[in-house]
Amino acid sequence: MRWEGLFADLEGQLAAEERRELDSEVAERTRRERALVDLTARLLAGVGTQVSLLVEGGREVSGTLSDVGDGWLLLGDGTRERLLPVHAVLALGGLPPHADPGRSARRFGLGHALRVLARDRATVALALAGGTSLVGTIDVVGSDHLVLAEHPEGEPRRRGNVRAVSVVPFAALRVVGSRR
């Protein structure tokens, strides 16, 4: 009887050690898998959800995450859409806890997205680094900058309405807002 108790105790110790090793291996594999997840995969999992973002310069932006591309994301709130370069985002809230490996981001970059706004002649509001804001129509989109004809919001881009023409590097962009 004494041997049986000793053997049972040893079996229990071995089983507990095997459980600890398995738990440790699972934890290590989980850490390894999580290390492979990039921000784009997390953003893609959040498409269609309400998110809040802290943008460089202290600006807070919220809305429904509606699209994700190469270096940009698009938020909507029913009346306006905001295009944000990922480099300007400091923190995100509201994303699901897991990535979505089954989805892929749009392959075109920020420049291509801005060219759509230029083509549509949409009036945009640009929030720039340092807290500056500009309103106008994007005339030209280069490889790393845009040219904005500044005019009052609500007025069309006409020669008489243009107050200034500004060249804005993509690196200075924080939020590009447009009405739907």
N, C-alpha and C. Protein backbone atom coordinates (compact mmCIF):
# COMPACT_ATOMS: atom_id res chain seq x y z
N MET A 1 0.82 -1.18 0.00
CA MET A 1 0.00 0.00 0.00
C MET A 1 0.87 1.26 0.00
N ARG A 2 1.93 1.23 0.70
CA ARG A 2 2.81 2.37 0.76
C ARG A 2 3.45 2.61 -0.60
N TRP A 3 3.84 1.56 -1.32
CA TRP A 3 4.43 1.70 -2.66
C TRP A 3 3.41 2.28 -3.64
N GLU A 4 2.18 1.87 -3.52
CA GLU A 4 1.15 2.37 -4.42
C GLU A 4 0.97 3.88 -4.26
N GLY A 5 0.99 4.38 -3.07
CA GLY A 5 0.87 5.82 -2.82
C GLY A 5 2.06 6.58 -3.38
N LEU A 6 3.25 5.99 -3.18
CA LEU A 6 4.47 6.62 -3.70
C LEU A 6 4.43 6.70 -5.22
N PHE A 7 4.03 5.56 -5.86
CA PHE A 7 3.94 5.53 -7.33
C PHE A 7 2.87 6.51 -7.85
N ALA A 8 1.77 6.60 -7.17
CA ALA A 8 0.71 7.52 -7.57
C ALA A 8 1.20 8.97 -7.46
N ASP A 9 1.95 9.25 -6.40
CA ASP A 9 2.50 10.59 -6.22
C ASP A 9 3.49 10.92 -7.33
N LEU A 10 4.36 9.97 -7.68
CA LEU A 10 5.32 10.18 -8.77
C LEU A 10 4.60 10.38 -10.11
N GLU A 11 3.55 9.62 -10.36
CA GLU A 11 2.75 9.77 -11.59
C GLU A 11 2.13 11.17 -11.64
N GLY A 12 1.63 11.62 -10.51
CA GLY A 12 1.04 12.95 -10.45
C GLY A 12 2.07 14.04 -10.72
N GLN A 13 3.28 13.87 -10.16
CA GLN A 13 4.34 14.84 -10.40
C GLN A 13 4.75 14.87 -11.87
N LEU A 14 4.86 13.69 -12.48
CA LEU A 14 5.21 13.62 -13.90
C LEU A 14 4.13 14.26 -14.77
N ALA A 15 2.89 13.99 -14.48
CA ALA A 15 1.79 14.57 -15.24
C ALA A 15 1.78 16.10 -15.09
N ALA A 16 2.03 16.59 -13.88
CA ALA A 16 2.06 18.04 -13.65
C ALA A 16 3.22 18.67 -14.42
N GLU A 17 4.38 18.01 -14.44
CA GLU A 17 5.53 18.51 -15.18
C GLU A 17 5.23 18.54 -16.69
N GLU A 18 4.58 17.49 -17.20
CA GLU A 18 4.21 17.46 -18.62
C GLU A 18 3.22 18.59 -18.95
N ARG A 19 2.29 18.85 -18.05
CA ARG A 19 1.33 19.96 -18.26
C ARG A 19 2.05 21.30 -18.29
N ARG A 20 3.02 21.49 -17.37
CA ARG A 20 3.78 22.74 -17.34
C ARG A 20 4.58 22.92 -18.63
N GLU A 21 5.20 21.86 -19.12
CA GLU A 21 5.97 21.93 -20.37
C GLU A 21 5.06 22.25 -21.55
N LEU A 22 3.90 21.60 -21.59
CA LEU A 22 2.96 21.86 -22.68
C LEU A 22 2.44 23.30 -22.61
N ASP A 23 2.09 23.77 -21.43
CA ASP A 23 1.64 25.15 -21.27
C ASP A 23 2.72 26.14 -21.70
N SER A 24 3.96 25.84 -21.34
CA SER A 24 5.07 26.71 -21.71
C SER A 24 5.27 26.72 -23.22
N GLU A 25 5.15 25.56 -23.85
CA GLU A 25 5.30 25.47 -25.31
C GLU A 25 4.17 26.21 -26.02
N VAL A 26 2.95 26.05 -25.54
CA VAL A 26 1.82 26.75 -26.13
C VAL A 26 2.00 28.27 -25.99
N ALA A 27 2.43 28.71 -24.83
CA ALA A 27 2.64 30.14 -24.61
C ALA A 27 3.73 30.68 -25.54
N GLU A 28 4.80 29.93 -25.70
CA GLU A 28 5.89 30.35 -26.58
C GLU A 28 5.43 30.41 -28.03
N ARG A 29 4.67 29.42 -28.48
CA ARG A 29 4.15 29.42 -29.85
C ARG A 29 3.18 30.59 -30.06
N THR A 30 2.38 30.87 -29.06
CA THR A 30 1.45 32.00 -29.15
C THR A 30 2.21 33.31 -29.28
N ARG A 31 3.26 33.49 -28.47
CA ARG A 31 4.08 34.70 -28.57
C ARG A 31 4.73 34.82 -29.94
N ARG A 32 5.21 33.70 -30.47
CA ARG A 32 5.84 33.69 -31.79
C ARG A 32 4.84 34.06 -32.88
N GLU A 33 3.63 33.50 -32.82
CA GLU A 33 2.59 33.81 -33.81
C GLU A 33 2.17 35.28 -33.72
N ARG A 34 2.02 35.79 -32.53
CA ARG A 34 1.63 37.20 -32.36
C ARG A 34 2.72 38.13 -32.89
N ALA A 35 3.97 37.72 -32.79
CA ALA A 35 5.08 38.55 -33.27
C ALA A 35 5.04 38.68 -34.80
N LEU A 36 4.36 37.80 -35.47
CA LEU A 36 4.27 37.85 -36.93
C LEU A 36 3.12 38.72 -37.44
N VAL A 37 2.24 39.14 -36.54
CA VAL A 37 1.07 39.94 -36.93
C VAL A 37 1.48 41.40 -37.06
N ASP A 38 1.18 42.01 -38.21
CA ASP A 38 1.49 43.43 -38.39
C ASP A 38 0.23 44.28 -38.18
N LEU A 39 0.44 45.57 -38.16
CA LEU A 39 -0.67 46.50 -37.91
C LEU A 39 -1.74 46.41 -38.99
N THR A 40 -1.33 46.21 -40.22
CA THR A 40 -2.30 46.12 -41.32
C THR A 40 -3.27 44.97 -41.07
N ALA A 41 -2.78 43.83 -40.62
CA ALA A 41 -3.66 42.69 -40.34
C ALA A 41 -4.64 43.01 -39.22
N ARG A 42 -4.19 43.75 -38.21
CA ARG A 42 -5.08 44.16 -37.13
C ARG A 42 -6.13 45.14 -37.64
N LEU A 43 -5.70 46.08 -38.49
CA LEU A 43 -6.64 47.05 -39.06
C LEU A 43 -7.69 46.35 -39.92
N LEU A 44 -7.26 45.39 -40.72
CA LEU A 44 -8.19 44.67 -41.59
C LEU A 44 -9.24 43.93 -40.78
N ALA A 45 -8.87 43.43 -39.63
CA ALA A 45 -9.83 42.75 -38.76
C ALA A 45 -10.88 43.73 -38.23
N GLY A 46 -10.52 45.02 -38.20
CA GLY A 46 -11.43 46.03 -37.67
C GLY A 46 -12.30 46.71 -38.71
N VAL A 47 -12.17 46.35 -39.98
CA VAL A 47 -12.99 47.00 -41.01
C VAL A 47 -14.47 46.78 -40.68
N GLY A 48 -15.22 47.88 -40.68
CA GLY A 48 -16.64 47.83 -40.35
C GLY A 48 -16.94 48.13 -38.89
N THR A 49 -15.90 48.31 -38.07
CA THR A 49 -16.12 48.60 -36.66
C THR A 49 -15.83 50.07 -36.35
N GLN A 50 -16.38 50.53 -35.24
CA GLN A 50 -16.16 51.89 -34.76
C GLN A 50 -14.81 51.92 -34.06
N VAL A 51 -13.93 52.82 -34.48
CA VAL A 51 -12.61 52.94 -33.87
C VAL A 51 -12.35 54.39 -33.50
N SER A 52 -11.41 54.57 -32.60
CA SER A 52 -10.96 55.91 -32.25
C SER A 52 -9.45 55.93 -32.39
N LEU A 53 -8.93 57.03 -32.89
CA LEU A 53 -7.51 57.13 -33.14
C LEU A 53 -6.96 58.39 -32.51
N LEU A 54 -5.76 58.29 -32.03
CA LEU A 54 -5.01 59.44 -31.58
C LEU A 54 -3.99 59.71 -32.67
N VAL A 55 -4.06 60.90 -33.23
CA VAL A 55 -3.19 61.26 -34.35
C VAL A 55 -2.10 62.18 -33.83
N GLU A 56 -0.95 62.09 -34.44
CA GLU A 56 0.17 62.94 -34.07
C GLU A 56 -0.29 64.40 -34.01
N GLY A 57 0.08 65.07 -32.95
CA GLY A 57 -0.37 66.45 -32.74
C GLY A 57 -1.49 66.53 -31.73
N GLY A 58 -1.95 65.37 -31.21
CA GLY A 58 -2.97 65.35 -30.17
C GLY A 58 -4.40 65.30 -30.68
N ARG A 59 -4.60 65.28 -31.98
CA ARG A 59 -5.95 65.23 -32.54
C ARG A 59 -6.53 63.84 -32.34
N GLU A 60 -7.80 63.80 -31.90
CA GLU A 60 -8.52 62.53 -31.78
C GLU A 60 -9.53 62.44 -32.92
N VAL A 61 -9.55 61.29 -33.58
CA VAL A 61 -10.44 61.06 -34.71
C VAL A 61 -11.16 59.75 -34.47
N SER A 62 -12.47 59.73 -34.73
CA SER A 62 -13.21 58.48 -34.58
C SER A 62 -14.16 58.31 -35.74
N GLY A 63 -14.55 57.08 -35.96
CA GLY A 63 -15.48 56.76 -37.04
C GLY A 63 -15.44 55.28 -37.32
N THR A 64 -16.14 54.89 -38.37
CA THR A 64 -16.14 53.49 -38.77
C THR A 64 -14.97 53.26 -39.72
N LEU A 65 -14.14 52.30 -39.38
CA LEU A 65 -13.02 51.94 -40.24
C LEU A 65 -13.60 51.27 -41.48
N SER A 66 -13.49 51.94 -42.62
CA SER A 66 -14.15 51.42 -43.82
C SER A 66 -13.21 50.83 -44.84
N ASP A 67 -11.93 51.16 -44.79
CA ASP A 67 -11.00 50.61 -45.78
C ASP A 67 -9.58 50.74 -45.26
N VAL A 68 -8.70 49.89 -45.79
CA VAL A 68 -7.29 49.89 -45.40
C VAL A 68 -6.46 49.65 -46.66
N GLY A 69 -5.42 50.43 -46.80
CA GLY A 69 -4.54 50.25 -47.95
C GLY A 69 -3.09 50.26 -47.52
N ASP A 70 -2.23 50.37 -48.49
CA ASP A 70 -0.79 50.37 -48.26
C ASP A 70 -0.36 51.70 -47.64
N GLY A 71 -0.32 51.75 -46.32
CA GLY A 71 0.12 52.95 -45.62
C GLY A 71 -0.98 53.94 -45.29
N TRP A 72 -2.23 53.56 -45.44
CA TRP A 72 -3.34 54.47 -45.14
C TRP A 72 -4.54 53.70 -44.64
N LEU A 73 -5.47 54.45 -44.01
CA LEU A 73 -6.75 53.87 -43.60
C LEU A 73 -7.82 54.94 -43.82
N LEU A 74 -9.06 54.47 -43.96
CA LEU A 74 -10.17 55.36 -44.25
C LEU A 74 -11.24 55.20 -43.18
N LEU A 75 -11.64 56.32 -42.59
CA LEU A 75 -12.71 56.34 -41.60
C LEU A 75 -13.90 57.11 -42.17
N GLY A 76 -15.10 56.67 -41.82
CA GLY A 76 -16.30 57.38 -42.22
C GLY A 76 -17.22 57.55 -41.03
N ASP A 77 -18.06 58.59 -41.08
CA ASP A 77 -19.03 58.80 -40.00
C ASP A 77 -20.41 59.13 -40.54
N GLY A 78 -20.66 58.82 -41.80
CA GLY A 78 -21.97 59.08 -42.40
C GLY A 78 -22.03 60.36 -43.21
N THR A 79 -21.32 61.39 -42.76
CA THR A 79 -21.35 62.65 -43.51
C THR A 79 -20.01 62.98 -44.15
N ARG A 80 -18.94 62.49 -43.58
CA ARG A 80 -17.63 62.77 -44.16
C ARG A 80 -16.73 61.55 -44.04
N GLU A 81 -15.71 61.56 -44.83
CA GLU A 81 -14.70 60.51 -44.79
C GLU A 81 -13.36 61.15 -44.48
N ARG A 82 -12.52 60.39 -43.79
CA ARG A 82 -11.19 60.88 -43.45
C ARG A 82 -10.16 59.84 -43.81
N LEU A 83 -9.21 60.25 -44.61
CA LEU A 83 -8.10 59.42 -45.02
C LEU A 83 -6.93 59.76 -44.11
N LEU A 84 -6.35 58.74 -43.49
CA LEU A 84 -5.24 58.99 -42.57
C LEU A 84 -4.04 58.16 -42.99
N PRO A 85 -2.89 58.81 -43.11
CA PRO A 85 -1.67 58.03 -43.32
C PRO A 85 -1.36 57.26 -42.04
N VAL A 86 -0.99 56.03 -42.16
CA VAL A 86 -0.70 55.21 -40.97
C VAL A 86 0.43 55.83 -40.16
N HIS A 87 1.39 56.51 -40.83
CA HIS A 87 2.51 57.11 -40.10
C HIS A 87 2.06 58.19 -39.12
N ALA A 88 0.87 58.74 -39.29
CA ALA A 88 0.38 59.81 -38.42
C ALA A 88 -0.38 59.28 -37.20
N VAL A 89 -0.70 57.99 -37.19
CA VAL A 89 -1.50 57.41 -36.11
C VAL A 89 -0.59 57.00 -34.96
N LEU A 90 -0.91 57.53 -33.77
CA LEU A 90 -0.12 57.20 -32.58
C LEU A 90 -0.72 56.05 -31.79
N ALA A 91 -2.06 55.95 -31.76
CA ALA A 91 -2.72 54.88 -31.01
C ALA A 91 -4.10 54.65 -31.59
N LEU A 92 -4.58 53.41 -31.47
CA LEU A 92 -5.90 53.04 -31.97
C LEU A 92 -6.68 52.36 -30.87
N GLY A 93 -7.96 52.66 -30.79
CA GLY A 93 -8.85 51.99 -29.85
C GLY A 93 -10.04 51.43 -30.59
N GLY A 94 -10.54 50.31 -30.12
CA GLY A 94 -11.73 49.71 -30.71
C GLY A 94 -11.46 48.59 -31.70
N LEU A 95 -10.20 48.28 -31.94
CA LEU A 95 -9.89 47.19 -32.86
C LEU A 95 -10.19 45.84 -32.19
N PRO A 96 -10.59 44.84 -32.97
CA PRO A 96 -10.80 43.51 -32.40
C PRO A 96 -9.48 42.98 -31.82
N PRO A 97 -9.57 42.04 -30.92
CA PRO A 97 -8.35 41.55 -30.27
C PRO A 97 -7.47 40.68 -31.16
N HIS A 98 -8.00 40.24 -32.31
CA HIS A 98 -7.22 39.35 -33.18
C HIS A 98 -7.13 39.91 -34.59
N ALA A 99 -6.13 39.47 -35.32
CA ALA A 99 -5.94 39.87 -36.71
C ALA A 99 -6.83 39.03 -37.61
N ASP A 100 -6.95 39.47 -38.86
CA ASP A 100 -7.73 38.73 -39.85
C ASP A 100 -6.81 38.34 -41.00
N PRO A 101 -6.22 37.14 -40.94
CA PRO A 101 -5.27 36.75 -41.99
C PRO A 101 -5.94 36.46 -43.33
N GLY A 102 -7.26 36.35 -43.36
CA GLY A 102 -7.97 36.04 -44.60
C GLY A 102 -8.21 37.25 -45.48
N ARG A 103 -8.00 38.45 -44.97
CA ARG A 103 -8.25 39.67 -45.74
C ARG A 103 -6.93 40.29 -46.17
N SER A 104 -6.97 41.04 -47.23
CA SER A 104 -5.77 41.74 -47.65
C SER A 104 -6.09 43.21 -47.88
N ALA A 105 -5.09 44.03 -47.64
CA ALA A 105 -5.25 45.48 -47.81
C ALA A 105 -5.22 45.82 -49.29
N ARG A 106 -5.78 46.96 -49.60
CA ARG A 106 -5.66 47.46 -50.97
C ARG A 106 -4.19 47.69 -51.25
N ARG A 107 -3.79 47.35 -52.44
CA ARG A 107 -2.36 47.36 -52.77
C ARG A 107 -1.84 48.75 -53.12
N PHE A 108 -2.71 49.70 -53.35
CA PHE A 108 -2.21 51.02 -53.74
C PHE A 108 -1.95 51.87 -52.51
N GLY A 109 -1.01 52.78 -52.67
CA GLY A 109 -0.57 53.61 -51.56
C GLY A 109 -1.34 54.90 -51.40
N LEU A 110 -0.85 55.73 -50.51
CA LEU A 110 -1.49 57.00 -50.17
C LEU A 110 -1.63 57.90 -51.39
N GLY A 111 -0.60 57.95 -52.22
CA GLY A 111 -0.64 58.80 -53.40
C GLY A 111 -1.80 58.46 -54.33
N HIS A 112 -2.03 57.18 -54.53
CA HIS A 112 -3.14 56.76 -55.39
C HIS A 112 -4.49 57.16 -54.78
N ALA A 113 -4.63 57.01 -53.48
CA ALA A 113 -5.88 57.40 -52.82
C ALA A 113 -6.10 58.91 -52.95
N LEU A 114 -5.04 59.69 -52.82
CA LEU A 114 -5.16 61.14 -52.96
C LEU A 114 -5.47 61.54 -54.40
N ARG A 115 -4.97 60.78 -55.36
CA ARG A 115 -5.26 61.07 -56.76
C ARG A 115 -6.75 60.93 -57.07
N VAL A 116 -7.43 60.02 -56.36
CA VAL A 116 -8.88 59.89 -56.55
C VAL A 116 -9.57 61.19 -56.12
N LEU A 117 -9.14 61.75 -54.99
CA LEU A 117 -9.72 63.02 -54.53
C LEU A 117 -9.41 64.14 -55.52
N ALA A 118 -8.21 64.14 -56.06
CA ALA A 118 -7.85 65.17 -57.05
C ALA A 118 -8.69 65.01 -58.31
N ARG A 119 -8.86 63.79 -58.76
CA ARG A 119 -9.65 63.53 -59.97
C ARG A 119 -11.10 63.98 -59.78
N ASP A 120 -11.65 63.73 -58.59
CA ASP A 120 -13.04 64.09 -58.31
C ASP A 120 -13.22 65.59 -58.01
N ARG A 121 -12.10 66.31 -57.89
CA ARG A 121 -12.13 67.74 -57.58
C ARG A 121 -12.86 68.01 -56.26
N ALA A 122 -12.71 67.10 -55.34
CA ALA A 122 -13.36 67.21 -54.03
C ALA A 122 -12.66 68.27 -53.18
N THR A 123 -13.44 69.03 -52.45
CA THR A 123 -12.87 69.95 -51.47
C THR A 123 -12.44 69.13 -50.27
N VAL A 124 -11.22 69.35 -49.84
CA VAL A 124 -10.66 68.59 -48.72
C VAL A 124 -10.20 69.54 -47.63
N ALA A 125 -10.18 69.02 -46.41
CA ALA A 125 -9.60 69.73 -45.28
C ALA A 125 -8.39 68.92 -44.83
N LEU A 126 -7.23 69.52 -44.87
CA LEU A 126 -6.00 68.84 -44.49
C LEU A 126 -5.60 69.26 -43.08
N ALA A 127 -5.42 68.29 -42.21
CA ALA A 127 -4.83 68.55 -40.90
C ALA A 127 -3.36 68.18 -41.03
N LEU A 128 -2.50 69.13 -40.72
CA LEU A 128 -1.07 68.93 -40.92
C LEU A 128 -0.33 68.84 -39.59
N ALA A 129 0.91 68.39 -39.67
CA ALA A 129 1.78 68.35 -38.50
C ALA A 129 1.85 69.75 -37.92
N GLY A 130 1.90 69.83 -36.62
CA GLY A 130 1.98 71.13 -35.96
C GLY A 130 0.63 71.78 -35.73
N GLY A 131 -0.45 71.11 -36.14
CA GLY A 131 -1.78 71.63 -35.88
C GLY A 131 -2.35 72.55 -36.93
N THR A 132 -1.62 72.79 -38.00
CA THR A 132 -2.11 73.65 -39.08
C THR A 132 -3.18 72.93 -39.88
N SER A 133 -4.17 73.68 -40.37
CA SER A 133 -5.22 73.13 -41.23
C SER A 133 -5.29 73.95 -42.51
N LEU A 134 -5.53 73.26 -43.61
CA LEU A 134 -5.71 73.91 -44.91
C LEU A 134 -6.97 73.34 -45.55
N VAL A 135 -7.70 74.17 -46.29
CA VAL A 135 -8.90 73.72 -47.01
C VAL A 135 -8.74 74.11 -48.47
N GLY A 136 -9.10 73.20 -49.34
CA GLY A 136 -9.03 73.50 -50.76
C GLY A 136 -9.24 72.28 -51.61
N THR A 137 -8.74 72.35 -52.82
CA THR A 137 -8.86 71.26 -53.78
C THR A 137 -7.47 70.79 -54.17
N ILE A 138 -7.27 69.49 -54.20
CA ILE A 138 -5.98 68.95 -54.60
C ILE A 138 -5.87 69.07 -56.12
N ASP A 139 -4.85 69.80 -56.57
CA ASP A 139 -4.64 69.97 -58.00
C ASP A 139 -3.72 68.89 -58.57
N VAL A 140 -2.66 68.58 -57.83
CA VAL A 140 -1.64 67.65 -58.32
C VAL A 140 -1.22 66.75 -57.17
N VAL A 141 -0.98 65.48 -57.49
CA VAL A 141 -0.41 64.56 -56.50
C VAL A 141 0.87 63.98 -57.09
N GLY A 142 1.98 64.28 -56.44
CA GLY A 142 3.27 63.75 -56.86
C GLY A 142 3.57 62.45 -56.15
N SER A 143 4.82 62.03 -56.21
CA SER A 143 5.19 60.77 -55.58
C SER A 143 5.24 60.88 -54.06
N ASP A 144 5.53 62.08 -53.54
CA ASP A 144 5.65 62.25 -52.09
C ASP A 144 5.06 63.57 -51.59
N HIS A 145 4.24 64.22 -52.43
CA HIS A 145 3.65 65.50 -52.05
C HIS A 145 2.37 65.74 -52.85
N LEU A 146 1.63 66.75 -52.42
CA LEU A 146 0.46 67.18 -53.19
C LEU A 146 0.49 68.69 -53.30
N VAL A 147 -0.25 69.19 -54.28
CA VAL A 147 -0.39 70.63 -54.47
C VAL A 147 -1.86 70.96 -54.20
N LEU A 148 -2.08 71.84 -53.24
CA LEU A 148 -3.42 72.20 -52.82
C LEU A 148 -3.72 73.65 -53.22
N ALA A 149 -4.82 73.83 -53.95
CA ALA A 149 -5.33 75.17 -54.23
C ALA A 149 -6.25 75.53 -53.08
N GLU A 150 -5.83 76.45 -52.24
CA GLU A 150 -6.61 76.80 -51.06
C GLU A 150 -7.75 77.74 -51.43
N HIS A 151 -8.94 77.39 -50.96
CA HIS A 151 -10.13 78.23 -51.16
C HIS A 151 -11.10 77.92 -50.03
N PRO A 152 -12.07 78.79 -49.80
CA PRO A 152 -13.02 78.57 -48.71
C PRO A 152 -13.84 77.29 -48.92
N GLU A 153 -14.11 76.61 -47.82
CA GLU A 153 -14.95 75.42 -47.89
C GLU A 153 -16.35 75.82 -48.35
N GLY A 154 -16.91 75.02 -49.21
CA GLY A 154 -18.23 75.30 -49.73
C GLY A 154 -18.21 76.08 -51.04
N GLU A 155 -17.06 76.62 -51.39
CA GLU A 155 -16.94 77.32 -52.66
C GLU A 155 -16.16 76.44 -53.64
N PRO A 156 -16.52 76.48 -54.91
CA PRO A 156 -15.80 75.65 -55.89
C PRO A 156 -14.40 76.19 -56.14
N ARG A 157 -13.57 75.34 -56.68
CA ARG A 157 -12.20 75.74 -57.02
C ARG A 157 -12.27 76.52 -58.33
N ARG A 158 -12.28 77.81 -58.21
CA ARG A 158 -12.26 78.72 -59.35
C ARG A 158 -11.10 79.69 -59.14
N ARG A 159 -10.56 80.18 -60.20
CA ARG A 159 -9.40 81.07 -60.09
C ARG A 159 -9.65 82.21 -59.10
N GLY A 160 -10.84 82.78 -59.14
CA GLY A 160 -11.15 83.89 -58.25
C GLY A 160 -11.30 83.49 -56.79
N ASN A 161 -11.55 82.22 -56.52
CA ASN A 161 -11.72 81.75 -55.14
C ASN A 161 -10.40 81.28 -54.50
N VAL A 162 -9.40 81.01 -55.32
CA VAL A 162 -8.13 80.46 -54.81
C VAL A 162 -7.34 81.57 -54.11
N ARG A 163 -7.06 81.35 -52.82
CA ARG A 163 -6.32 82.33 -52.01
C ARG A 163 -4.83 82.08 -52.05
N ALA A 164 -4.45 80.79 -52.19
CA ALA A 164 -3.03 80.43 -52.20
C ALA A 164 -2.91 79.03 -52.79
N VAL A 165 -1.71 78.71 -53.21
CA VAL A 165 -1.40 77.36 -53.68
C VAL A 165 -0.25 76.86 -52.81
N SER A 166 -0.47 75.71 -52.15
CA SER A 166 0.52 75.17 -51.22
C SER A 166 0.98 73.78 -51.65
N VAL A 167 2.26 73.54 -51.52
CA VAL A 167 2.82 72.21 -51.74
C VAL A 167 2.96 71.57 -50.37
N VAL A 168 2.35 70.38 -50.20
CA VAL A 168 2.33 69.71 -48.90
C VAL A 168 2.97 68.33 -49.02
N PRO A 169 4.08 68.10 -48.33
CA PRO A 169 4.69 66.76 -48.34
C PRO A 169 3.77 65.75 -47.65
N PHE A 170 3.74 64.53 -48.15
CA PHE A 170 2.93 63.48 -47.51
C PHE A 170 3.31 63.33 -46.04
N ALA A 171 4.58 63.51 -45.73
CA ALA A 171 5.05 63.34 -44.34
C ALA A 171 4.37 64.32 -43.39
N ALA A 172 3.88 65.45 -43.91
CA ALA A 172 3.23 66.45 -43.06
C ALA A 172 1.74 66.16 -42.85
N LEU A 173 1.16 65.27 -43.67
CA LEU A 173 -0.27 64.98 -43.57
C LEU A 173 -0.59 64.19 -42.31
N ARG A 174 -1.65 64.58 -41.64
CA ARG A 174 -2.16 63.85 -40.48
C ARG A 174 -3.56 63.31 -40.78
N VAL A 175 -4.44 64.15 -41.33
CA VAL A 175 -5.80 63.73 -41.68
C VAL A 175 -6.20 64.47 -42.95
N VAL A 176 -6.81 63.74 -43.88
CA VAL A 176 -7.36 64.34 -45.09
C VAL A 176 -8.86 64.07 -45.03
N GLY A 177 -9.64 65.13 -44.83
CA GLY A 177 -11.08 64.98 -44.68
C GLY A 177 -11.82 65.47 -45.93
N SER A 178 -12.89 64.76 -46.28
CA SER A 178 -13.73 65.20 -47.39
C SER A 178 -15.18 64.85 -47.09
N ARG A 179 -16.08 65.63 -47.66
CA ARG A 179 -17.52 65.36 -47.52
C ARG A 179 -17.89 64.24 -48.45
N ARG A 180 -18.90 63.46 -48.06
CA ARG A 180 -19.35 62.37 -48.95
C ARG A 180 -20.18 62.90 -50.07
